[in-house]
Amino acid sequence: MSDLAPAAASGAFASLSNRNYAGLFWSGLMAFLAVGMQILARSWLAIELTDSNLAFAAVMFAFGLGMLAITPFGGVAADRFSRRALILGSHASLSLSALWLGVMVLTDRE
């Protein structure tokens, strides 16, 4: 082996030694956690406002239906547009959605 070659990282988290991949990994993890928290917050809010399990089910169904409807367009967008722009856009839309939900709760708008 040449002395000029960098030492190969080994182990389960060796891929995180690549700066670009580590950034993608951590941003993806944060986005995953944010979506999970939004699902929890929306469900809690539906039960809190209506005290109805049907409202909870409707919120979960609407979220799943939206994901199902948008997924094919997301695949097309991934093929046609910059992945960096898509990731930034999706993270921004998740953040705005969470911010809007928080503002509506804090101002008692129902």
C-alpha atoms as a PDB file:
ATOM      1  CA  MET A   1       0.000   0.000   0.000  1.00  0.00           C
ATOM      2  CA  SER A   2       1.269   3.463  -0.841  1.00  0.00           C
ATOM      3  CA  ASP A   3       2.044   5.979   1.903  1.00  0.00           C
ATOM      4  CA  LEU A   4       0.023   8.553  -0.042  1.00  0.00           C
ATOM      5  CA  ALA A   5      -3.262   6.660   0.354  1.00  0.00           C
ATOM      6  CA  PRO A   6      -5.383   7.786   3.307  1.00  0.00           C
ATOM      7  CA  ALA A   7      -5.976   5.310   6.088  1.00  0.00           C
ATOM      8  CA  ALA A   8      -9.236   3.478   5.512  1.00  0.00           C
ATOM      9  CA  ALA A   9     -11.731   3.844   8.312  1.00  0.00           C
ATOM     10  CA  SER A  10     -13.317   0.648   9.487  1.00  0.00           C
ATOM     11  CA  GLY A  11     -16.261  -0.256  11.643  1.00  0.00           C
ATOM     12  CA  ALA A  12     -19.978   0.289  11.667  1.00  0.00           C
ATOM     13  CA  PHE A  13     -19.756   4.083  11.400  1.00  0.00           C
ATOM     14  CA  ALA A  14     -16.878   4.362   8.942  1.00  0.00           C
ATOM     15  CA  SER A  15     -19.099   6.053   6.373  1.00  0.00           C
ATOM     16  CA  LEU A  16     -19.615   8.989   8.751  1.00  0.00           C
ATOM     17  CA  SER A  17     -15.964   9.910   8.283  1.00  0.00           C
ATOM     18  CA  ASN A  18     -17.001  11.333   4.897  1.00  0.00           C
ATOM     19  CA  ARG A  19     -18.039  14.928   5.672  1.00  0.00           C
ATOM     20  CA  ASN A  20     -20.669  15.145   2.926  1.00  0.00           C
ATOM     21  CA  TYR A  21     -22.265  11.844   3.877  1.00  0.00           C
ATOM     22  CA  ALA A  22     -22.216  12.717   7.575  1.00  0.00           C
ATOM     23  CA  GLY A  23     -24.087  15.955   6.813  1.00  0.00           C
ATOM     24  CA  LEU A  24     -26.659  14.072   4.765  1.00  0.00           C
ATOM     25  CA  PHE A  25     -27.038  11.420   7.471  1.00  0.00           C
ATOM     26  CA  TRP A  26     -27.521  13.873  10.329  1.00  0.00           C
ATOM     27  CA  SER A  27     -29.908  16.108   8.383  1.00  0.00           C
ATOM     28  CA  GLY A  28     -31.928  13.045   7.370  1.00  0.00           C
ATOM     29  CA  LEU A  29     -32.052  11.855  10.958  1.00  0.00           C
ATOM     30  CA  MET A  30     -33.231  15.261  12.156  1.00  0.00           C
ATOM     31  CA  ALA A  31     -35.885  15.380   9.415  1.00  0.00           C
ATOM     32  CA  PHE A  32     -37.101  11.902  10.372  1.00  0.00           C
ATOM     33  CA  LEU A  33     -37.385  12.925  14.025  1.00  0.00           C
ATOM     34  CA  ALA A  34     -39.144  16.165  13.059  1.00  0.00           C
ATOM     35  CA  VAL A  35     -41.752  14.295  11.004  1.00  0.00           C
ATOM     36  CA  GLY A  36     -42.316  11.903  13.898  1.00  0.00           C
ATOM     37  CA  MET A  37     -42.806  14.809  16.289  1.00  0.00           C
ATOM     38  CA  GLN A  38     -45.220  16.482  13.878  1.00  0.00           C
ATOM     39  CA  ILE A  39     -47.283  13.310  13.611  1.00  0.00           C
ATOM     40  CA  LEU A  40     -47.381  13.099  17.398  1.00  0.00           C
ATOM     41  CA  ALA A  41     -48.251  16.793  17.796  1.00  0.00           C
ATOM     42  CA  ARG A  42     -51.014  16.707  15.189  1.00  0.00           C
ATOM     43  CA  SER A  43     -52.525  13.587  16.706  1.00  0.00           C
ATOM     44  CA  TRP A  44     -52.339  14.995  20.222  1.00  0.00           C
ATOM     45  CA  LEU A  45     -53.897  18.257  19.043  1.00  0.00           C
ATOM     46  CA  ALA A  46     -56.761  16.430  17.319  1.00  0.00           C
ATOM     47  CA  ILE A  47     -57.554  14.484  20.488  1.00  0.00           C
ATOM     48  CA  GLU A  48     -57.102  17.569  22.686  1.00  0.00           C
ATOM     49  CA  LEU A  49     -59.460  19.706  20.576  1.00  0.00           C
ATOM     50  CA  THR A  50     -62.160  17.135  19.901  1.00  0.00           C
ATOM     51  CA  ASP A  51     -61.733  14.411  22.558  1.00  0.00           C
ATOM     52  CA  SER A  52     -62.512  11.969  19.760  1.00  0.00           C
ATOM     53  CA  ASN A  53     -60.652   8.929  18.526  1.00  0.00           C
ATOM     54  CA  LEU A  54     -62.274   9.480  15.143  1.00  0.00           C
ATOM     55  CA  ALA A  55     -60.517  12.852  14.828  1.00  0.00           C
ATOM     56  CA  PHE A  56     -57.229  11.157  15.660  1.00  0.00           C
ATOM     57  CA  ALA A  57     -57.861   8.542  12.964  1.00  0.00           C
ATOM     58  CA  ALA A  58     -58.842  11.225  10.447  1.00  0.00           C
ATOM     59  CA  VAL A  59     -55.623  13.161  11.080  1.00  0.00           C
ATOM     60  CA  MET A  60     -53.506  10.032  10.671  1.00  0.00           C
ATOM     61  CA  PHE A  61     -55.422   9.005   7.547  1.00  0.00           C
ATOM     62  CA  ALA A  62     -55.032  12.461   5.988  1.00  0.00           C
ATOM     63  CA  PHE A  63     -51.297  12.446   6.701  1.00  0.00           C
ATOM     64  CA  GLY A  64     -50.884   8.986   5.165  1.00  0.00           C
ATOM     65  CA  LEU A  65     -53.032   9.878   2.157  1.00  0.00           C
ATOM     66  CA  GLY A  66     -50.962  13.000   1.547  1.00  0.00           C
ATOM     67  CA  MET A  67     -47.746  10.999   1.721  1.00  0.00           C
ATOM     68  CA  LEU A  68     -49.155   8.415  -0.669  1.00  0.00           C
ATOM     69  CA  ALA A  69     -50.279  11.051  -3.168  1.00  0.00           C
ATOM     70  CA  ILE A  70     -47.032  13.062  -3.140  1.00  0.00           C
ATOM     71  CA  THR A  71     -44.519  10.190  -3.211  1.00  0.00           C
ATOM     72  CA  PRO A  72     -44.641   9.562  -6.999  1.00  0.00           C
ATOM     73  CA  PHE A  73     -44.094  13.270  -7.677  1.00  0.00           C
ATOM     74  CA  GLY A  74     -41.187  13.252  -5.253  1.00  0.00           C
ATOM     75  CA  GLY A  75     -39.559  10.487  -7.275  1.00  0.00           C
ATOM     76  CA  VAL A  76     -39.961  12.462 -10.498  1.00  0.00           C
ATOM     77  CA  ALA A  77     -38.603  15.600  -8.822  1.00  0.00           C
ATOM     78  CA  ALA A  78     -35.577  13.650  -7.543  1.00  0.00           C
ATOM     79  CA  ASP A  79     -34.756  12.706 -11.124  1.00  0.00           C
ATOM     80  CA  ARG A  80     -35.203  16.199 -12.577  1.00  0.00           C
ATOM     81  CA  PHE A  81     -33.968  18.662  -9.942  1.00  0.00           C
ATOM     82  CA  SER A  82     -30.949  19.213  -7.745  1.00  0.00           C
ATOM     83  CA  ARG A  83     -31.022  16.873  -4.774  1.00  0.00           C
ATOM     84  CA  ARG A  84     -29.569  19.556  -2.543  1.00  0.00           C
ATOM     85  CA  ALA A  85     -32.367  21.948  -3.485  1.00  0.00           C
ATOM     86  CA  LEU A  86     -34.996  19.254  -2.892  1.00  0.00           C
ATOM     87  CA  ILE A  87     -33.614  18.386   0.537  1.00  0.00           C
ATOM     88  CA  LEU A  88     -33.431  22.054   1.540  1.00  0.00           C
ATOM     89  CA  GLY A  89     -36.933  22.662   0.211  1.00  0.00           C
ATOM     90  CA  SER A  90     -38.433  19.682   1.994  1.00  0.00           C
ATOM     91  CA  HIS A  91     -36.733  20.626   5.271  1.00  0.00           C
ATOM     92  CA  ALA A  92     -37.960  24.202   4.896  1.00  0.00           C
ATOM     93  CA  SER A  93     -41.533  23.059   4.254  1.00  0.00           C
ATOM     94  CA  LEU A  94     -41.423  20.753   7.300  1.00  0.00           C
ATOM     95  CA  SER A  95     -40.114  23.612   9.418  1.00  0.00           C
ATOM     96  CA  LEU A  96     -42.787  26.019   8.183  1.00  0.00           C
ATOM     97  CA  SER A  97     -45.488  23.433   8.826  1.00  0.00           C
ATOM     98  CA  ALA A  98     -44.280  22.897  12.403  1.00  0.00           C
ATOM     99  CA  LEU A  99     -43.975  26.647  12.950  1.00  0.00           C
ATOM    100  CA  TRP A 100     -47.506  27.227  11.640  1.00  0.00           C
ATOM    101  CA  LEU A 101     -48.899  24.510  13.906  1.00  0.00           C
ATOM    102  CA  GLY A 102     -47.070  25.997  16.896  1.00  0.00           C
ATOM    103  CA  VAL A 103     -48.312  29.509  16.195  1.00  0.00           C
ATOM    104  CA  MET A 104     -51.883  28.287  15.831  1.00  0.00           C
ATOM    105  CA  VAL A 105     -51.689  26.446  19.167  1.00  0.00           C
ATOM    106  CA  LEU A 106     -50.075  29.377  20.992  1.00  0.00           C
ATOM    107  CA  THR A 107     -52.661  31.859  19.690  1.00  0.00           C
ATOM    108  CA  ASP A 108     -55.608  29.512  20.411  1.00  0.00           C
ATOM    109  CA  ARG A 109     -56.713  29.467  16.787  1.00  0.00           C
ATOM    110  CA  GLU A 110     -58.718  26.349  16.028  1.00  0.00           C
END
